[in-house]
Amino acid sequence: MKKQFFMTLLVVVGTVLYAPVSAQSLTVSAVEQSIKKDGKYAILVSNARYFQAAVRTGEGLKAKHSTVDFEVVLIGPVVKDLATDESLQSTIEASEKLGIRLVVCEAAMNHLKLKHTDFHSSIAFTPDGFVYLFGLQESGFKTITL
């Protein structure tokens, strides 16, 4: 019994020690440099902190590759924040200057009893943020949700 246990342990340890480590073959820098100059990226966000982080991410990508398409799709509570929180105006204006498209979900607007006129003029609207994100994916955008 002891001999069988040690043989099994030896096989497991040997397999672990000699398995190729391909997941870590690229450096962090190499991964980050794989962003395409003409890439298409979008982030779906539902709160103000994630909205600001998404815009900063877009700003960083646009600084390296001005031709990158970058969109932020806004759903949930952040929709109200965008309409009412004055501290977010500078982030909205920065998005406009950088060419980052902001798209607000009208379903969230309706739920929160907001109108198009409550928002900055640079903001675009979609009836359903999730459907819009699916459309972006079908159009070749790489997307994440925060």
Protein backbone atom coordinates (compact mmCIF):
# COMPACT_ATOMS: atom_id res chain seq x y z
CA MET A 1 0.00 0.00 0.00
CA LYS A 2 2.82 2.37 0.91
CA LYS A 3 4.64 1.57 -2.29
CA GLN A 4 1.53 2.25 -4.38
CA PHE A 5 0.97 5.61 -2.63
CA PHE A 6 4.56 6.72 -3.22
CA MET A 7 4.41 5.70 -6.89
CA THR A 8 1.21 7.70 -7.38
CA LEU A 9 2.74 10.67 -5.58
CA LEU A 10 5.87 10.44 -7.73
CA VAL A 11 3.79 10.43 -10.94
CA VAL A 12 1.76 13.45 -9.81
CA VAL A 13 4.82 15.44 -8.73
CA GLY A 14 6.68 14.50 -11.90
CA THR A 15 3.77 15.58 -14.07
CA VAL A 16 3.49 18.93 -12.31
CA LEU A 17 7.22 19.63 -12.45
CA TYR A 18 7.66 18.75 -16.11
CA ALA A 19 4.45 20.22 -17.53
CA PRO A 20 5.10 23.10 -19.94
CA VAL A 21 4.19 26.52 -18.56
CA SER A 22 2.69 28.18 -21.62
CA ALA A 23 0.20 30.43 -19.80
CA GLN A 24 3.02 32.63 -18.55
CA SER A 25 5.17 32.64 -21.66
CA LEU A 26 4.28 36.26 -22.54
CA THR A 27 5.39 39.18 -20.45
CA VAL A 28 2.86 41.73 -19.22
CA SER A 29 4.38 44.27 -21.59
CA ALA A 30 4.05 41.89 -24.56
CA VAL A 31 0.38 41.29 -23.77
CA GLU A 32 -0.33 45.01 -23.48
CA GLN A 33 1.51 45.70 -26.73
CA SER A 34 -0.78 43.28 -28.55
CA ILE A 35 -3.49 45.97 -28.66
CA LYS A 36 -4.22 46.61 -32.34
CA LYS A 37 -3.79 50.11 -33.76
CA ASP A 38 -7.16 49.73 -35.45
CA GLY A 39 -8.72 47.68 -32.65
CA LYS A 40 -12.32 47.97 -31.52
CA TYR A 41 -12.99 47.81 -27.78
CA ALA A 42 -15.98 48.44 -25.52
CA ILE A 43 -16.74 48.31 -21.80
CA LEU A 44 -20.20 47.89 -20.25
CA VAL A 45 -20.43 49.70 -16.89
CA SER A 46 -23.09 50.18 -14.25
CA ASN A 47 -21.53 52.54 -11.70
CA ALA A 48 -19.71 55.87 -11.69
CA ARG A 49 -16.33 54.56 -10.52
CA TYR A 50 -16.25 51.98 -13.30
CA PHE A 51 -17.35 54.66 -15.77
CA GLN A 52 -14.39 56.83 -14.82
CA ALA A 53 -12.02 53.85 -14.96
CA ALA A 54 -13.36 52.86 -18.39
CA VAL A 55 -12.78 56.36 -19.75
CA ARG A 56 -9.23 56.39 -18.33
CA THR A 57 -8.61 53.05 -20.03
CA GLY A 58 -9.91 54.44 -23.31
CA GLU A 59 -7.76 57.52 -22.85
CA GLY A 60 -4.67 55.34 -22.42
CA LEU A 61 -5.46 53.28 -25.51
CA LYS A 62 -6.22 56.37 -27.60
CA ALA A 63 -2.94 57.98 -26.47
CA LYS A 64 -1.00 55.03 -27.92
CA HIS A 65 -3.22 54.44 -30.97
CA SER A 66 -5.48 57.34 -31.93
CA THR A 67 -7.29 55.12 -34.47
CA VAL A 68 -8.61 52.70 -31.82
CA ASP A 69 -12.41 52.61 -31.58
CA PHE A 70 -13.46 52.74 -27.94
CA GLU A 71 -16.99 52.81 -26.53
CA VAL A 72 -18.46 52.84 -23.03
CA VAL A 73 -21.98 51.45 -22.70
CA LEU A 74 -23.80 52.65 -19.58
CA ILE A 75 -26.55 50.72 -17.81
CA GLY A 76 -28.10 50.72 -14.34
CA PRO A 77 -27.41 53.30 -11.61
CA VAL A 78 -24.63 55.10 -13.49
CA VAL A 79 -27.24 56.34 -15.95
CA LYS A 80 -28.76 58.53 -13.21
CA ASP A 81 -25.29 59.63 -12.06
CA LEU A 82 -24.44 60.73 -15.60
CA ALA A 83 -27.53 62.93 -15.66
CA THR A 84 -27.30 64.39 -12.16
CA ASP A 85 -23.73 64.25 -10.83
CA GLU A 86 -21.87 67.40 -11.86
CA SER A 87 -18.52 65.85 -10.91
CA LEU A 88 -18.83 63.46 -13.88
CA GLN A 89 -19.10 66.29 -16.43
CA SER A 90 -15.33 66.56 -16.83
CA THR A 91 -15.14 62.81 -17.58
CA ILE A 92 -17.94 63.13 -20.13
CA GLU A 93 -16.21 66.10 -21.78
CA ALA A 94 -12.87 64.26 -21.80
CA SER A 95 -14.59 61.34 -23.55
CA GLU A 96 -15.94 63.66 -26.20
CA LYS A 97 -12.51 65.25 -26.84
CA LEU A 98 -10.81 61.85 -27.05
CA GLY A 99 -13.38 60.37 -29.41
CA ILE A 100 -14.65 57.84 -26.88
CA ARG A 101 -18.29 57.13 -27.60
CA LEU A 102 -20.65 57.01 -24.60
CA VAL A 103 -23.89 55.10 -25.13
CA VAL A 104 -26.67 55.21 -22.51
CA CYS A 105 -29.34 52.52 -22.12
CA GLU A 106 -32.83 54.00 -22.58
CA ALA A 107 -34.39 51.13 -20.59
CA ALA A 108 -32.42 52.34 -17.57
CA MET A 109 -33.41 55.93 -18.36
CA ASN A 110 -37.09 54.99 -18.43
CA HIS A 111 -36.78 53.08 -15.16
CA LEU A 112 -35.09 56.09 -13.55
CA LYS A 113 -37.54 58.55 -15.16
CA LEU A 114 -34.88 60.44 -17.11
CA LYS A 115 -35.08 62.14 -20.51
CA HIS A 116 -32.55 62.63 -23.29
CA THR A 117 -32.37 66.31 -22.40
CA ASP A 118 -31.01 65.39 -18.95
CA PHE A 119 -27.75 64.28 -20.57
CA HIS A 120 -24.73 65.93 -22.17
CA SER A 121 -25.22 66.51 -25.90
CA SER A 122 -22.34 64.19 -26.85
CA ILE A 123 -24.02 61.10 -25.38
CA ALA A 124 -25.65 58.56 -27.71
CA PHE A 125 -28.62 56.40 -26.75
CA THR A 126 -29.72 52.81 -27.32
CA PRO A 127 -33.04 51.21 -26.42
CA ASP A 128 -31.26 48.30 -24.69
CA GLY A 129 -27.65 48.36 -23.48
CA PHE A 130 -27.28 44.57 -23.57
CA VAL A 131 -28.55 44.28 -27.14
CA TYR A 132 -26.23 47.13 -28.14
CA LEU A 133 -23.26 45.30 -26.57
CA PHE A 134 -24.19 42.13 -28.50
CA GLY A 135 -24.25 44.26 -31.67
CA LEU A 136 -20.79 45.58 -30.88
CA GLN A 137 -19.55 42.01 -30.44
CA GLU A 138 -21.06 40.99 -33.78
CA SER A 139 -19.33 44.04 -35.33
CA GLY A 140 -15.94 42.80 -34.15
CA PHE A 141 -15.57 44.71 -30.88
CA LYS A 142 -13.78 43.07 -27.98
CA THR A 143 -15.98 43.72 -24.94
CA ILE A 144 -15.84 43.41 -21.17
CA THR A 145 -18.36 44.10 -18.44
CA LEU A 146 -17.50 45.72 -15.13
